[in-house]
C-alpha atoms as a PDB file:
ATOM      1  CA  MET A   1     110.923 114.852 121.355  1.00  0.00           C
ATOM      2  CA  GLY A   2     111.130 117.912 123.604  1.00  0.00           C
ATOM      3  CA  VAL A   3     110.575 115.863 126.766  1.00  0.00           C
ATOM      4  CA  ILE A   4     113.070 115.266 129.569  1.00  0.00           C
ATOM      5  CA  MET A   5     113.475 111.517 129.828  1.00  0.00           C
ATOM      6  CA  PRO A   6     112.404 110.058 133.177  1.00  0.00           C
ATOM      7  CA  SER A   7     115.006 108.240 135.247  1.00  0.00           C
ATOM      8  CA  VAL A   8     115.561 104.552 134.517  1.00  0.00           C
ATOM      9  CA  ARG A   9     115.963 102.140 137.413  1.00  0.00           C
ATOM     10  CA  ILE A  10     117.909  98.927 136.832  1.00  0.00           C
ATOM     11  CA  LEU A  11     116.873  96.059 139.091  1.00  0.00           C
ATOM     12  CA  ASP A  12     118.028  92.461 139.338  1.00  0.00           C
ATOM     13  CA  ASN A  13     115.299  89.847 138.931  1.00  0.00           C
ATOM     14  CA  ILE A  14     116.121  86.215 139.659  1.00  0.00           C
ATOM     15  CA  GLN A  15     112.836  85.143 138.045  1.00  0.00           C
ATOM     16  CA  LEU A  16     114.268  86.050 134.617  1.00  0.00           C
ATOM     17  CA  GLY A  17     116.641  83.764 132.717  1.00  0.00           C
ATOM     18  CA  ALA A  18     120.390  84.384 133.011  1.00  0.00           C
ATOM     19  CA  ASN A  19     120.502  86.260 129.672  1.00  0.00           C
ATOM     20  CA  ASP A  20     117.002  87.780 129.726  1.00  0.00           C
ATOM     21  CA  TYR A  21     115.901  91.349 130.417  1.00  0.00           C
ATOM     22  CA  MET A  22     112.508  93.034 130.757  1.00  0.00           C
ATOM     23  CA  ILE A  23     111.578  96.694 130.264  1.00  0.00           C
ATOM     24  CA  LYS A  24     108.683  97.973 132.379  1.00  0.00           C
ATOM     25  CA  VAL A  25     106.808 101.264 132.058  1.00  0.00           C
ATOM     26  CA  LYS A  26     104.945 102.211 135.236  1.00  0.00           C
ATOM     27  CA  GLU A  27     105.409  98.665 136.561  1.00  0.00           C
ATOM     28  CA  VAL A  28     103.822  97.108 133.442  1.00  0.00           C
ATOM     29  CA  ASP A  29     105.819  94.939 131.015  1.00  0.00           C
ATOM     30  CA  ALA A  30     106.574  96.887 127.826  1.00  0.00           C
ATOM     31  CA  GLY A  31     109.106  94.596 126.132  1.00  0.00           C
ATOM     32  CA  GLY A  32     111.950  92.220 126.708  1.00  0.00           C
ATOM     33  CA  GLY A  33     114.602  90.081 125.080  1.00  0.00           C
ATOM     34  CA  SER A  34     117.818  88.107 125.556  1.00  0.00           C
ATOM     35  CA  LEU A  35     121.429  89.298 125.468  1.00  0.00           C
ATOM     36  CA  PHE A  36     124.633  87.313 125.093  1.00  0.00           C
ATOM     37  CA  PRO A  37     127.366  89.567 126.576  1.00  0.00           C
ATOM     38  CA  ASN A  38     130.393  88.433 124.540  1.00  0.00           C
ATOM     39  CA  GLN A  39     128.559  87.878 121.248  1.00  0.00           C
ATOM     40  CA  PHE A  40     127.156  90.087 118.494  1.00  0.00           C
ATOM     41  CA  MET A  41     123.659  90.302 117.049  1.00  0.00           C
ATOM     42  CA  VAL A  42     123.772  89.956 113.262  1.00  0.00           C
ATOM     43  CA  MET A  43     120.883  90.863 110.930  1.00  0.00           C
ATOM     44  CA  ASP A  44     120.320  90.708 107.192  1.00  0.00           C
ATOM     45  CA  PRO A  45     119.179  94.181 105.974  1.00  0.00           C
ATOM     46  CA  ALA A  46     116.969  92.400 103.414  1.00  0.00           C
ATOM     47  CA  GLY A  47     115.095  90.671 106.251  1.00  0.00           C
ATOM     48  CA  GLY A  48     116.328  87.136 105.515  1.00  0.00           C
ATOM     49  CA  GLN A  49     117.868  84.617 107.897  1.00  0.00           C
ATOM     50  CA  VAL A  50     121.592  85.084 108.594  1.00  0.00           C
ATOM     51  CA  ARG A  51     123.764  82.293 107.149  1.00  0.00           C
ATOM     52  CA  LEU A  52     126.306  82.109 109.959  1.00  0.00           C
ATOM     53  CA  PRO A  53     126.577  79.627 112.860  1.00  0.00           C
ATOM     54  CA  GLY A  54     124.957  80.938 116.019  1.00  0.00           C
ATOM     55  CA  THR A  55     121.728  81.235 118.003  1.00  0.00           C
ATOM     56  CA  HIS A  56     118.807  82.285 115.815  1.00  0.00           C
ATOM     57  CA  THR A  57     116.504  84.795 117.495  1.00  0.00           C
ATOM     58  CA  THR A  58     114.284  87.800 116.817  1.00  0.00           C
ATOM     59  CA  GLU A  59     115.586  91.336 117.160  1.00  0.00           C
ATOM     60  CA  PRO A  60     113.588  92.673 120.161  1.00  0.00           C
ATOM     61  CA  THR A  61     112.869  96.220 118.980  1.00  0.00           C
ATOM     62  CA  PHE A  62     111.559  95.749 115.439  1.00  0.00           C
ATOM     63  CA  GLY A  63     110.936  91.993 115.371  1.00  0.00           C
ATOM     64  CA  LEU A  64     113.413  91.193 112.558  1.00  0.00           C
ATOM     65  CA  PRO A  65     115.123  87.788 112.174  1.00  0.00           C
ATOM     66  CA  ALA A  66     118.555  87.909 113.833  1.00  0.00           C
ATOM     67  CA  THR A  67     121.360  85.630 114.990  1.00  0.00           C
ATOM     68  CA  TRP A  68     123.731  85.877 117.953  1.00  0.00           C
ATOM     69  CA  VAL A  69     127.212  84.918 116.746  1.00  0.00           C
ATOM     70  CA  GLU A  70     130.573  84.539 118.450  1.00  0.00           C
ATOM     71  CA  ALA A  71     133.018  87.454 118.211  1.00  0.00           C
ATOM     72  CA  GLN A  72     135.184  85.506 115.731  1.00  0.00           C
ATOM     73  CA  TYR A  73     132.439  85.810 113.059  1.00  0.00           C
ATOM     74  CA  ARG A  74     132.085  89.601 113.371  1.00  0.00           C
ATOM     75  CA  GLU A  75     134.442  90.463 110.509  1.00  0.00           C
ATOM     76  CA  GLU A  76     132.927  87.830 108.232  1.00  0.00           C
ATOM     77  CA  ALA A  77     129.436  89.195 108.937  1.00  0.00           C
ATOM     78  CA  ASN A  78     130.579  92.702 107.968  1.00  0.00           C
ATOM     79  CA  LEU A  79     132.093  91.395 104.716  1.00  0.00           C
ATOM     80  CA  LEU A  80     128.777  89.669 103.894  1.00  0.00           C
ATOM     81  CA  GLY A  81     126.959  93.010 104.256  1.00  0.00           C
ATOM     82  CA  TYR A  82     125.120  92.066 107.438  1.00  0.00           C
ATOM     83  CA  THR A  83     124.254  94.560 110.176  1.00  0.00           C
ATOM     84  CA  VAL A  84     126.366  93.794 113.267  1.00  0.00           C
ATOM     85  CA  VAL A  85     125.253  95.137 116.664  1.00  0.00           C
ATOM     86  CA  ASP A  86     126.856  94.762 120.100  1.00  0.00           C
ATOM     87  CA  PRO A  87     124.700  93.842 123.161  1.00  0.00           C
ATOM     88  CA  ALA A  88     124.837  97.352 124.690  1.00  0.00           C
ATOM     89  CA  THR A  89     123.434  98.856 121.479  1.00  0.00           C
ATOM     90  CA  VAL A  90     120.694  96.207 121.314  1.00  0.00           C
ATOM     91  CA  ILE A  91     119.358  97.063 124.760  1.00  0.00           C
ATOM     92  CA  SER A  92     119.810 100.851 124.438  1.00  0.00           C
ATOM     93  CA  THR A  93     117.959 100.835 121.091  1.00  0.00           C
ATOM     94  CA  HIS A  94     115.154  98.762 122.616  1.00  0.00           C
ATOM     95  CA  LEU A  95     114.936 101.106 125.608  1.00  0.00           C
ATOM     96  CA  THR A  96     114.902 104.196 123.373  1.00  0.00           C
ATOM     97  CA  GLU A  97     112.116 102.844 121.141  1.00  0.00           C
ATOM     98  CA  THR A  98     110.108 101.734 124.188  1.00  0.00           C
ATOM     99  CA  ILE A  99     110.338 105.246 125.625  1.00  0.00           C
ATOM    100  CA  LYS A 100     109.260 106.750 122.286  1.00  0.00           C
ATOM    101  CA  SER A 101     106.297 104.374 122.127  1.00  0.00           C
ATOM    102  CA  HIS A 102     105.157 105.298 125.653  1.00  0.00           C
ATOM    103  CA  ILE A 103     106.335 108.914 125.798  1.00  0.00           C
ATOM    104  CA  SER A 104     102.783 110.307 125.818  1.00  0.00           C
ATOM    105  CA  GLU A 105     101.903 108.492 129.059  1.00  0.00           C
ATOM    106  CA  LEU A 106     105.285 109.380 130.585  1.00  0.00           C
ATOM    107  CA  LEU A 107     104.566 113.128 130.185  1.00  0.00           C
ATOM    108  CA  THR A 108     103.116 114.068 133.573  1.00  0.00           C
ATOM    109  CA  TYR A 109     101.231 117.134 134.801  1.00  0.00           C
ATOM    110  CA  ALA A 110     104.364 118.160 136.728  1.00  0.00           C
ATOM    111  CA  ASP A 111     106.475 117.831 133.550  1.00  0.00           C
ATOM    112  CA  VAL A 112     104.140 120.216 131.699  1.00  0.00           C
ATOM    113  CA  GLN A 113     104.353 122.729 134.548  1.00  0.00           C
ATOM    114  CA  VAL A 114     108.162 122.632 134.333  1.00  0.00           C
ATOM    115  CA  LEU A 115     108.085 123.095 130.537  1.00  0.00           C
ATOM    116  CA  LEU A 116     105.751 126.106 130.840  1.00  0.00           C
ATOM    117  CA  LYS A 117     107.893 127.707 133.566  1.00  0.00           C
ATOM    118  CA  LYS A 118     110.973 127.498 131.327  1.00  0.00           C
ATOM    119  CA  LEU A 119     109.363 129.564 128.536  1.00  0.00           C
ATOM    120  CA  ASP A 120     110.765 133.016 127.825  1.00  0.00           C
ATOM    121  CA  GLU A 121     108.941 136.150 128.988  1.00  0.00           C
ATOM    122  CA  GLU A 122     106.924 136.795 125.802  1.00  0.00           C
ATOM    123  CA  GLN A 123     105.627 133.239 125.582  1.00  0.00           C
ATOM    124  CA  SER A 124     104.886 133.223 129.322  1.00  0.00           C
ATOM    125  CA  LYS A 125     102.466 136.112 128.708  1.00  0.00           C
ATOM    126  CA  LEU A 126     100.588 133.938 126.212  1.00  0.00           C
ATOM    127  CA  VAL A 127     100.303 131.212 128.866  1.00  0.00           C
ATOM    128  CA  GLU A 128      98.919 133.782 131.343  1.00  0.00           C
ATOM    129  CA  ASP A 129      96.316 134.847 128.754  1.00  0.00           C
ATOM    130  CA  ILE A 130      94.917 131.358 128.179  1.00  0.00           C
ATOM    131  CA  VAL A 131      95.585 129.494 131.478  1.00  0.00           C
ATOM    132  CA  PRO A 132      93.334 128.868 133.347  1.00  0.00           C
ATOM    133  CA  THR A 133      90.579 131.055 131.830  1.00  0.00           C
ATOM    134  CA  GLN A 134      90.403 129.224 128.468  1.00  0.00           C
ATOM    135  CA  ILE A 135      92.334 125.977 129.011  1.00  0.00           C
ATOM    136  CA  SER A 136      93.797 124.232 132.048  1.00  0.00           C
ATOM    137  CA  ILE A 137      97.338 122.898 132.361  1.00  0.00           C
ATOM    138  CA  SER A 138      95.884 119.376 132.202  1.00  0.00           C
ATOM    139  CA  GLY A 139      94.198 120.409 128.927  1.00  0.00           C
ATOM    140  CA  ILE A 140      97.585 121.494 127.535  1.00  0.00           C
ATOM    141  CA  GLN A 141      99.033 118.207 128.825  1.00  0.00           C
ATOM    142  CA  ARG A 142      96.426 116.229 126.838  1.00  0.00           C
ATOM    143  CA  VAL A 143      97.196 118.217 123.660  1.00  0.00           C
ATOM    144  CA  LEU A 144     100.937 117.559 124.086  1.00  0.00           C
ATOM    145  CA  GLN A 145     100.237 113.876 124.752  1.00  0.00           C
ATOM    146  CA  ALA A 146      98.182 113.650 121.541  1.00  0.00           C
ATOM    147  CA  LEU A 147     101.164 115.047 119.587  1.00  0.00           C
ATOM    148  CA  LEU A 148     103.696 112.773 121.307  1.00  0.00           C
ATOM    149  CA  GLU A 149     101.498 109.744 120.707  1.00  0.00           C
ATOM    150  CA  GLU A 150     102.219 110.164 116.994  1.00  0.00           C
ATOM    151  CA  ARG A 151     105.901 110.926 117.622  1.00  0.00           C
ATOM    152  CA  ILE A 152     105.667 114.648 116.950  1.00  0.00           C
ATOM    153  CA  SER A 153     108.296 116.556 118.930  1.00  0.00           C
ATOM    154  CA  ILE A 154     106.951 119.210 121.320  1.00  0.00           C
ATOM    155  CA  ARG A 155     110.286 121.046 121.429  1.00  0.00           C
ATOM    156  CA  ASP A 156     108.759 124.073 119.638  1.00  0.00           C
ATOM    157  CA  LEU A 157     106.419 124.732 122.566  1.00  0.00           C
ATOM    158  CA  GLY A 158     105.924 128.394 121.636  1.00  0.00           C
ATOM    159  CA  THR A 159     104.365 127.539 118.267  1.00  0.00           C
ATOM    160  CA  ILE A 160     102.260 124.806 119.898  1.00  0.00           C
ATOM    161  CA  LEU A 161     100.862 127.265 122.470  1.00  0.00           C
ATOM    162  CA  GLU A 162     100.038 129.752 119.693  1.00  0.00           C
ATOM    163  CA  GLY A 163      98.153 127.009 117.903  1.00  0.00           C
ATOM    164  CA  ILE A 164      96.287 126.113 121.100  1.00  0.00           C
ATOM    165  CA  ALA A 165      95.331 129.776 121.610  1.00  0.00           C
ATOM    166  CA  GLU A 166      93.926 129.907 118.059  1.00  0.00           C
ATOM    167  CA  ALA A 167      91.962 126.657 118.363  1.00  0.00           C
ATOM    168  CA  ILE A 168      90.311 127.099 121.779  1.00  0.00           C
ATOM    169  CA  GLY A 169      88.045 129.774 120.312  1.00  0.00           C
ATOM    170  CA  SER A 170      86.155 127.088 118.394  1.00  0.00           C
ATOM    171  CA  THR A 171      86.696 123.854 120.373  1.00  0.00           C
ATOM    172  CA  ARG A 172      87.740 122.619 123.816  1.00  0.00           C
ATOM    173  CA  ASN A 173      88.385 119.043 122.656  1.00  0.00           C
ATOM    174  CA  PRO A 174      92.129 118.300 123.169  1.00  0.00           C
ATOM    175  CA  ASN A 175      92.274 116.020 120.099  1.00  0.00           C
ATOM    176  CA  ALA A 176      90.633 118.649 117.883  1.00  0.00           C
ATOM    177  CA  ILE A 177      93.041 121.283 119.239  1.00  0.00           C
ATOM    178  CA  ALA A 178      95.973 118.943 118.521  1.00  0.00           C
ATOM    179  CA  GLU A 179      94.771 118.552 114.912  1.00  0.00           C
ATOM    180  CA  HIS A 180      94.914 122.339 114.496  1.00  0.00           C
ATOM    181  CA  VAL A 181      98.328 122.559 116.181  1.00  0.00           C
ATOM    182  CA  ARG A 182      99.676 119.985 113.697  1.00  0.00           C
ATOM    183  CA  THR A 183      99.022 122.421 110.833  1.00  0.00           C
ATOM    184  CA  ARG A 184     101.172 125.019 112.633  1.00  0.00           C
ATOM    185  CA  LEU A 185     103.969 122.426 112.845  1.00  0.00           C
ATOM    186  CA  ALA A 186     103.828 121.592 109.097  1.00  0.00           C
ATOM    187  CA  ARG A 187     107.482 122.466 108.388  1.00  0.00           C
ATOM    188  CA  GLN A 188     108.689 120.409 111.368  1.00  0.00           C
ATOM    189  CA  ILE A 189     106.483 117.423 110.440  1.00  0.00           C
ATOM    190  CA  CYS A 190     107.638 117.408 106.808  1.00  0.00           C
ATOM    191  CA  ALA A 191     111.299 117.729 107.828  1.00  0.00           C
ATOM    192  CA  ALA A 192     110.987 114.828 110.300  1.00  0.00           C
ATOM    193  CA  ASN A 193     109.544 112.504 107.642  1.00  0.00           C
ATOM    194  CA  GLN A 194     111.586 113.441 104.579  1.00  0.00           C
ATOM    195  CA  ALA A 195     113.776 110.890 102.820  1.00  0.00           C
ATOM    196  CA  PRO A 196     117.598 111.207 102.620  1.00  0.00           C
ATOM    197  CA  GLY A 197     117.102 112.696  99.140  1.00  0.00           C
ATOM    198  CA  GLY A 198     115.377 115.727 100.665  1.00  0.00           C
ATOM    199  CA  TYR A 199     111.857 114.941  99.434  1.00  0.00           C
ATOM    200  CA  LEU A 200     108.744 113.813 101.294  1.00  0.00           C
ATOM    201  CA  PRO A 201     107.694 110.342 100.061  1.00  0.00           C
ATOM    202  CA  LEU A 202     103.976 109.775 100.344  1.00  0.00           C
ATOM    203  CA  ILE A 203     101.176 107.320  99.654  1.00  0.00           C
ATOM    204  CA  SER A 204      97.928 109.178  99.031  1.00  0.00           C
ATOM    205  CA  LEU A 205      94.316 108.121  99.367  1.00  0.00           C
ATOM    206  CA  SER A 206      92.303 108.093  96.149  1.00  0.00           C
ATOM    207  CA  PRO A 207      89.171 110.285  95.921  1.00  0.00           C
ATOM    208  CA  GLN A 208      87.087 107.081  96.139  1.00  0.00           C
ATOM    209  CA  TRP A 209      88.574 106.106  99.507  1.00  0.00           C
ATOM    210  CA  GLU A 210      88.377 109.687 100.770  1.00  0.00           C
ATOM    211  CA  SER A 211      84.656 109.672  99.930  1.00  0.00           C
ATOM    212  CA  ALA A 212      84.211 106.253 101.555  1.00  0.00           C
ATOM    213  CA  PHE A 213      85.691 107.538 104.823  1.00  0.00           C
ATOM    214  CA  LEU A 214      83.839 110.852 104.833  1.00  0.00           C
ATOM    215  CA  GLU A 215      80.521 109.123 104.099  1.00  0.00           C
ATOM    216  CA  SER A 216      81.128 106.697 106.999  1.00  0.00           C
ATOM    217  CA  ILE A 217      81.620 109.431 109.605  1.00  0.00           C
ATOM    218  CA  ILE A 218      78.547 109.832 111.780  1.00  0.00           C
ATOM    219  CA  GLY A 219      77.767 112.372 114.498  1.00  0.00           C
ATOM    220  CA  ASP A 220      78.673 116.038 114.816  1.00  0.00           C
ATOM    221  CA  GLY A 221      81.503 117.982 116.379  1.00  0.00           C
ATOM    222  CA  ASP A 222      83.335 116.129 119.133  1.00  0.00           C
ATOM    223  CA  ASP A 223      80.974 113.134 118.885  1.00  0.00           C
ATOM    224  CA  ARG A 224      82.050 112.097 115.375  1.00  0.00           C
ATOM    225  CA  GLN A 225      82.693 108.377 114.899  1.00  0.00           C
ATOM    226  CA  LEU A 226      83.605 106.088 112.008  1.00  0.00           C
ATOM    227  CA  ALA A 227      80.899 103.574 111.048  1.00  0.00           C
ATOM    228  CA  MET A 228      82.470 101.755 108.106  1.00  0.00           C
ATOM    229  CA  ALA A 229      81.502  98.174 107.241  1.00  0.00           C
ATOM    230  CA  PRO A 230      84.032  95.591 108.552  1.00  0.00           C
ATOM    231  CA  SER A 231      84.507  94.147 105.049  1.00  0.00           C
ATOM    232  CA  LYS A 232      85.364  97.622 103.733  1.00  0.00           C
ATOM    233  CA  LEU A 233      87.830  98.178 106.580  1.00  0.00           C
ATOM    234  CA  GLN A 234      89.469  94.825 105.855  1.00  0.00           C
ATOM    235  CA  GLU A 235      89.830  95.781 102.202  1.00  0.00           C
ATOM    236  CA  PHE A 236      91.448  99.078 103.190  1.00  0.00           C
ATOM    237  CA  VAL A 237      93.895  97.343 105.561  1.00  0.00           C
ATOM    238  CA  GLY A 238      94.944  94.933 102.785  1.00  0.00           C
ATOM    239  CA  LEU A 239      95.536  97.774 100.309  1.00  0.00           C
ATOM    240  CA  VAL A 240      97.629  99.739 102.826  1.00  0.00           C
ATOM    241  CA  ARG A 241      99.754  96.661 103.583  1.00  0.00           C
ATOM    242  CA  ASP A 242     100.331  95.985  99.856  1.00  0.00           C
ATOM    243  CA  ALA A 243     101.246  99.623  99.154  1.00  0.00           C
ATOM    244  CA  TYR A 244     103.765  99.782 102.014  1.00  0.00           C
ATOM    245  CA  ASP A 245     105.324  96.426 101.107  1.00  0.00           C
ATOM    246  CA  ALA A 246     105.836  97.696  97.544  1.00  0.00           C
ATOM    247  CA  ALA A 247     107.295 100.977  98.868  1.00  0.00           C
ATOM    248  CA  ALA A 248     109.701  99.072 101.134  1.00  0.00           C
ATOM    249  CA  ASN A 249     110.962  97.132  98.106  1.00  0.00           C
ATOM    250  CA  GLN A 250     111.770 100.504  96.516  1.00  0.00           C
ATOM    251  CA  GLY A 251     113.634 101.589  99.648  1.00  0.00           C
ATOM    252  CA  GLU A 252     111.019 104.207 100.565  1.00  0.00           C
ATOM    253  CA  VAL A 253     109.421 104.937 103.952  1.00  0.00           C
ATOM    254  CA  PRO A 254     106.432 107.073 102.932  1.00  0.00           C
ATOM    255  CA  VAL A 255     103.811 108.883 104.983  1.00  0.00           C
ATOM    256  CA  LEU A 256     100.124 108.178 104.381  1.00  0.00           C
ATOM    257  CA  LEU A 257      98.427 111.355 103.118  1.00  0.00           C
ATOM    258  CA  CYS A 258      94.693 112.024 103.450  1.00  0.00           C
ATOM    259  CA  SER A 259      92.267 114.902 104.078  1.00  0.00           C
ATOM    260  CA  ALA A 260      92.137 116.733 107.407  1.00  0.00           C
ATOM    261  CA  GLN A 261      88.574 115.500 108.013  1.00  0.00           C
ATOM    262  CA  SER A 262      89.429 111.817 107.619  1.00  0.00           C
ATOM    263  CA  ARG A 263      92.947 111.831 109.142  1.00  0.00           C
ATOM    264  CA  PRO A 264      92.021 110.967 112.775  1.00  0.00           C
ATOM    265  CA  PHE A 265      89.915 108.010 111.599  1.00  0.00           C
ATOM    266  CA  VAL A 266      92.471 106.736 109.075  1.00  0.00           C
ATOM    267  CA  ARG A 267      95.136 106.980 111.783  1.00  0.00           C
ATOM    268  CA  SER A 268      93.006 105.020 114.286  1.00  0.00           C
ATOM    269  CA  ILE A 269      92.804 102.136 111.787  1.00  0.00           C
ATOM    270  CA  VAL A 270      96.415 102.180 110.570  1.00  0.00           C
ATOM    271  CA  GLU A 271      97.959 102.333 114.071  1.00  0.00           C
ATOM    272  CA  ARG A 272      96.454  98.916 114.878  1.00  0.00           C
ATOM    273  CA  PHE A 273      98.607  97.089 112.321  1.00  0.00           C
ATOM    274  CA  ARG A 274     101.332  99.635 111.363  1.00  0.00           C
ATOM    275  CA  ALA A 275     102.001 101.589 114.571  1.00  0.00           C
ATOM    276  CA  HIS A 276     105.030 103.462 113.183  1.00  0.00           C
ATOM    277  CA  THR A 277     103.353 104.576 109.940  1.00  0.00           C
ATOM    278  CA  PHE A 278     102.934 108.359 109.967  1.00  0.00           C
ATOM    279  CA  VAL A 279      99.507 109.547 108.829  1.00  0.00           C
ATOM    280  CA  MET A 280      99.315 113.226 107.891  1.00  0.00           C
ATOM    281  CA  SER A 281      96.700 115.508 106.376  1.00  0.00           C
ATOM    282  CA  GLN A 282      97.058 117.721 103.326  1.00  0.00           C
ATOM    283  CA  ASN A 283      96.969 120.741 105.686  1.00  0.00           C
ATOM    284  CA  GLU A 284     100.240 119.543 107.237  1.00  0.00           C
ATOM    285  CA  VAL A 285     102.191 119.613 103.969  1.00  0.00           C
ATOM    286  CA  HIS A 286     104.491 122.636 104.051  1.00  0.00           C
ATOM    287  CA  PRO A 287     104.331 124.790 100.868  1.00  0.00           C
ATOM    288  CA  ARG A 288     108.088 124.397 100.291  1.00  0.00           C
ATOM    289  CA  ALA A 289     108.205 120.635 100.800  1.00  0.00           C
ATOM    290  CA  ARG A 290     109.313 118.568  97.800  1.00  0.00           C
ATOM    291  CA  LEU A 291     106.806 115.754  97.321  1.00  0.00           C
ATOM    292  CA  LYS A 292     107.168 112.327  95.734  1.00  0.00           C
ATOM    293  CA  THR A 293     104.037 110.203  95.377  1.00  0.00           C
ATOM    294  CA  VAL A 294     105.113 106.584  95.751  1.00  0.00           C
ATOM    295  CA  ALA A 295     101.618 105.071  95.361  1.00  0.00           C
ATOM    296  CA  THR A 296      97.905 105.787  95.589  1.00  0.00           C
ATOM    297  CA  ILE A 297      95.418 103.661  97.514  1.00  0.00           C
END
């Protein structure tokens, strides 16, 4: 993600059960689960319940049905095609996903200063040109946080700063600047979301839904808001769920593609019930990306 991971403190807590753990971000609970040290967590890739003796549970990271089984059943689970995970992997995966989910709030002002100081000489000149006369370091921090919030790596900081320099001529809104920066990162975004077959699977919005969103946007500039009827929003949510369930049955993990004007509003709706679904605009599709339309909403 282009961010140095903050240190992790491990503390004992006698208020937790003997096999329980809790992950906290800035002293606030962000997830938890149970581990059985000498057992293995077994999951059915199809999402069904495991047919082996053990303790039925829910996988803590993605919420899938799982079962803790004794070590003697490990080989049998592998032969049945189940996914077998040891306790250390369970907790490290949970920790990693928790960090990814909260990475935007973990990126501090001091972190951004360190990242900017590590730039090479040419890119440092660009920083001198725009900071603080056109944008503050906290403004850059907010742009980077907006990218990280949607799991876009900020490793290519040079390109991001170039995008910021282009955008601040027309807007000072960090979210609007981030939308422009995303177009500069089109190749990176497409590569991060492509399927193993080398193509970018996508679910697109129909012209009717595009019109419905654009007609529901009220206000101008930075004050734009979505004022769509609740019944219409509910219909949209149902269609998105159906389309992604059908795509999952085909083994696809598509992005949701819409226009640049509607993308922030579509994203704000989708993140409430499908947080990991990537919503991208047509401006973020790289010219050389191979596309595969899985469905249209």
